[in-house]
Amino acid sequence: MNIDPFEIYHIYNQGNNKETIFFEDSDYLKFMRLFRKLVFPLCKVLAYCLMPNHFHFLIYTSENAANSKRIGSVESCELSNAFRLLQSSYAQYVNKKYNRTGSLFRQKAKAKPMLEGNEHYQLAAFQYIHQNPLKGTLVNRMEDWPYSSFKDFAGFRNGTLCDKLLAETLIGYNKNNFLTESYQGLTEELVQKLFYESKQPV
């Protein structure tokens, strides 16, 4: 699909056959280092969460993210290519580290634009991403999961990846009521709007 500049996207993917992609702490850290190097220059990050077998990012694209890029005979864009490189680089790291072969991810990451719906989609995506570890019963409190931006927005950590001021402007993030709002439930109907039913790739 085409990526437009200055738009909010929910970008996500999972392990092939829903298999594990992060096996230990160092794997999560390696993935985020690669993300900073390859993807971060093309966007502002509004939220993220890495789960044992999948990942979510809520990003605001830069002008350069939408620039056309030819990979062999395929026409792509800078952001799509950056996520391609992120996944392939990380897969090479995992295969070498754990002496495995074969694909690690389900082909291309998916990118769902959040501005094509109503104004609730962006906030719902923001909350949904942070609620993942809780819904997945990995923790009893979202602030106990170290591989998401929740701790940063809650003020428990001073991470530098997410743009809090932009999240405040575009999504309505408010640090004073963030914790209370984050634990509010989301309807299944609204959650479905955050994903492509047809699983369109980046």
Protein backbone atom coordinates (compact mmCIF):
# COMPACT_ATOMS: atom_id res chain seq x y z
CA MET A 1 0.00 0.00 0.00
CA ASN A 2 1.03 3.62 -0.34
CA ILE A 3 2.33 5.49 2.69
CA ASP A 4 1.34 9.15 2.94
CA PRO A 5 3.42 11.75 4.75
CA PHE A 6 2.21 13.37 7.98
CA GLU A 7 -0.26 10.63 8.85
CA ILE A 8 -0.69 8.28 11.80
CA TYR A 9 -0.25 4.56 11.12
CA HIS A 10 -0.65 1.46 13.23
CA ILE A 11 2.14 -0.84 12.05
CA TYR A 12 2.24 -4.42 13.22
CA ASN A 13 3.42 -7.91 12.42
CA GLN A 14 3.86 -11.28 14.11
CA GLY A 15 6.09 -14.30 13.99
CA ASN A 16 5.59 -16.83 11.22
CA ASN A 17 2.82 -19.20 12.34
CA LYS A 18 2.55 -16.98 15.45
CA GLU A 19 5.85 -18.36 16.69
CA THR A 20 8.09 -16.57 19.19
CA ILE A 21 10.32 -13.80 17.82
CA PHE A 22 11.75 -12.48 21.11
CA PHE A 23 13.32 -15.14 23.32
CA GLU A 24 15.15 -13.12 25.97
CA ASP A 25 15.77 -9.54 27.10
CA SER A 26 18.69 -9.01 24.74
CA ASP A 27 16.48 -9.82 21.75
CA TYR A 28 13.99 -7.08 22.57
CA LEU A 29 16.88 -4.64 22.98
CA LYS A 30 18.48 -5.68 19.68
CA PHE A 31 15.20 -5.17 17.82
CA MET A 32 14.76 -1.69 19.28
CA ARG A 33 18.34 -0.73 18.41
CA LEU A 34 17.68 -1.78 14.82
CA PHE A 35 14.39 0.14 14.85
CA ARG A 36 16.16 3.31 15.99
CA LYS A 37 18.73 2.93 13.25
CA LEU A 38 16.49 1.95 10.33
CA VAL A 39 12.95 3.24 10.97
CA PHE A 40 13.16 6.04 13.52
CA PRO A 41 14.69 8.58 11.08
CA LEU A 42 11.52 8.36 8.97
CA CYS A 43 8.86 8.91 11.63
CA LYS A 44 7.83 10.11 15.05
CA VAL A 45 6.88 7.31 17.45
CA LEU A 46 3.64 7.77 19.36
CA ALA A 47 3.52 4.36 21.06
CA TYR A 48 4.99 0.89 20.78
CA CYS A 49 4.84 -2.55 22.32
CA LEU A 50 6.94 -5.63 21.69
CA MET A 51 5.31 -8.93 22.62
CA PRO A 52 6.93 -12.38 22.60
CA ASN A 53 5.52 -13.22 19.16
CA HIS A 54 4.53 -9.87 17.62
CA PHE A 55 5.06 -6.10 17.66
CA HIS A 56 3.03 -2.89 17.40
CA PHE A 57 4.07 0.66 16.56
CA LEU A 58 1.94 3.78 16.34
CA ILE A 59 3.86 6.27 14.24
CA TYR A 60 3.49 9.65 12.56
CA THR A 61 5.19 9.61 9.18
CA SER A 62 7.68 12.19 7.95
CA GLU A 63 7.77 13.59 4.44
CA ASN A 64 10.68 11.31 3.56
CA ALA A 65 8.81 8.20 4.69
CA ALA A 66 6.61 8.37 1.61
CA ASN A 67 9.44 8.89 -0.88
CA SER A 68 9.54 6.31 -3.63
CA LYS A 69 12.28 3.69 -3.56
CA ARG A 70 12.93 0.95 -6.10
CA ILE A 71 14.10 -2.41 -4.73
CA GLY A 72 15.07 -4.46 -7.76
CA SER A 73 11.98 -4.46 -9.96
CA VAL A 74 9.63 -3.54 -7.10
CA GLU A 75 8.54 0.03 -6.42
CA SER A 76 8.31 0.72 -2.70
CA CYS A 77 8.64 3.63 -0.28
CA GLU A 78 11.29 4.54 2.26
CA LEU A 79 9.21 3.50 5.28
CA SER A 80 8.25 0.15 3.79
CA ASN A 81 11.86 -0.54 2.93
CA ALA A 82 12.96 0.44 6.43
CA PHE A 83 10.59 -2.09 8.02
CA ARG A 84 11.72 -4.69 5.49
CA LEU A 85 15.32 -4.11 6.53
CA LEU A 86 14.35 -4.14 10.22
CA GLN A 87 12.69 -7.53 9.93
CA SER A 88 15.37 -9.09 7.74
CA SER A 89 18.23 -7.77 9.90
CA TYR A 90 16.59 -8.98 13.08
CA ALA A 91 15.75 -12.36 11.53
CA GLN A 92 19.41 -12.81 10.56
CA TYR A 93 20.41 -11.99 14.13
CA VAL A 94 17.94 -14.52 15.60
CA ASN A 95 18.82 -17.27 13.12
CA LYS A 96 22.51 -16.91 13.88
CA LYS A 97 22.08 -16.61 17.64
CA TYR A 98 19.73 -19.59 18.01
CA ASN A 99 21.07 -21.68 15.13
CA ARG A 100 17.74 -21.69 13.32
CA THR A 101 16.73 -21.39 9.68
CA GLY A 102 13.71 -20.22 7.74
CA SER A 103 11.51 -17.15 7.92
CA LEU A 104 10.89 -15.47 11.27
CA PHE A 105 8.09 -13.03 10.39
CA ARG A 106 4.83 -13.27 8.49
CA GLN A 107 6.05 -11.63 5.31
CA LYS A 108 5.62 -7.85 5.32
CA ALA A 109 4.49 -5.72 8.25
CA LYS A 110 0.98 -4.25 7.96
CA ALA A 111 0.24 -0.53 8.11
CA LYS A 112 -3.28 0.70 8.91
CA PRO A 113 -3.81 4.48 8.57
CA MET A 114 -5.57 5.82 11.65
CA LEU A 115 -6.81 9.06 10.10
CA GLU A 116 -9.10 7.34 7.62
CA GLY A 117 -11.59 6.63 10.39
CA ASN A 118 -13.02 8.82 13.13
CA GLU A 119 -11.04 10.69 15.75
CA HIS A 120 -11.35 7.82 18.24
CA TYR A 121 -9.12 5.47 16.24
CA GLN A 122 -5.85 7.13 17.17
CA LEU A 123 -6.57 7.08 20.92
CA ALA A 124 -7.94 3.54 20.69
CA ALA A 125 -4.76 2.37 18.95
CA PHE A 126 -2.65 4.15 21.57
CA GLN A 127 -4.51 2.39 24.39
CA TYR A 128 -4.75 -0.97 22.63
CA ILE A 129 -1.00 -1.12 22.04
CA HIS A 130 -0.27 -0.45 25.70
CA GLN A 131 -2.91 -2.94 26.88
CA ASN A 132 -1.38 -5.85 24.93
CA PRO A 133 0.74 -7.33 27.76
CA LEU A 134 -2.22 -7.12 30.14
CA LYS A 135 -4.64 -8.72 27.67
CA GLY A 136 -2.03 -11.37 26.97
CA THR A 137 -1.79 -12.12 30.72
CA LEU A 138 1.96 -11.48 30.71
CA VAL A 139 1.64 -9.00 33.58
CA ASN A 140 -0.97 -7.90 36.10
CA ARG A 141 -0.25 -4.22 35.47
CA MET A 142 0.77 -2.55 32.23
CA GLU A 143 3.53 -0.65 34.02
CA ASP A 144 5.25 -3.97 34.76
CA TRP A 145 5.93 -4.74 31.08
CA PRO A 146 9.33 -3.27 30.12
CA TYR A 147 9.02 -3.60 26.34
CA SER A 148 6.41 -0.94 25.63
CA SER A 149 6.13 2.83 25.86
CA PHE A 150 3.60 2.64 28.70
CA LYS A 151 6.19 3.25 31.43
CA ASP A 152 7.41 6.36 29.61
CA PHE A 153 3.97 7.92 29.25
CA ALA A 154 3.11 7.00 32.85
CA GLY A 155 6.24 8.79 34.08
CA PHE A 156 7.95 5.67 35.43
CA ARG A 157 10.79 5.85 32.90
CA ASN A 158 12.44 8.59 30.85
CA GLY A 159 12.56 6.92 27.45
CA THR A 160 13.56 8.99 24.44
CA LEU A 161 11.86 7.08 21.63
CA CYS A 162 8.30 8.43 21.88
CA ASP A 163 7.33 12.03 21.17
CA LYS A 164 5.06 12.87 24.11
CA LEU A 165 4.31 16.40 22.94
CA LEU A 166 3.18 15.10 19.56
CA ALA A 167 1.09 12.42 21.25
CA GLU A 168 -0.55 15.15 23.28
CA THR A 169 -1.31 17.16 20.15
CA LEU A 170 -2.43 14.37 17.83
CA ILE A 171 -3.98 11.86 20.22
CA GLY A 172 -4.94 13.82 23.30
CA TYR A 173 -2.48 12.16 25.66
CA ASN A 174 -2.65 13.79 29.09
CA LYS A 175 -0.20 12.63 31.74
CA ASN A 176 -2.61 13.63 34.52
CA ASN A 177 -5.26 11.09 33.53
CA PHE A 178 -3.15 8.68 31.47
CA LEU A 179 -3.19 5.84 34.00
CA THR A 180 -6.94 5.99 34.53
CA GLU A 181 -7.77 6.18 30.83
CA SER A 182 -5.31 3.44 29.92
CA TYR A 183 -7.13 0.85 32.00
CA GLN A 184 -10.49 1.55 30.37
CA GLY A 185 -11.77 -1.26 28.18
CA LEU A 186 -12.06 -1.04 24.41
CA THR A 187 -14.96 -2.53 22.47
CA GLU A 188 -14.15 -5.39 20.12
CA GLU A 189 -15.76 -3.41 17.28
CA LEU A 190 -13.38 -0.51 17.81
CA VAL A 191 -10.35 -2.78 18.13
CA GLN A 192 -11.16 -4.39 14.77
CA LYS A 193 -10.98 -0.95 13.16
CA LEU A 194 -7.31 -0.75 14.09
CA PHE A 195 -6.39 -3.59 11.74
CA TYR A 196 -6.77 -4.35 8.05
CA GLU A 197 -9.25 -7.17 7.60
CA SER A 198 -7.49 -8.00 4.35
CA LYS A 199 -4.05 -7.81 5.99
CA GLN A 200 -2.66 -5.34 3.48
CA PRO A 201 1.12 -5.04 3.74
CA VAL A 202 3.22 -1.91 4.15
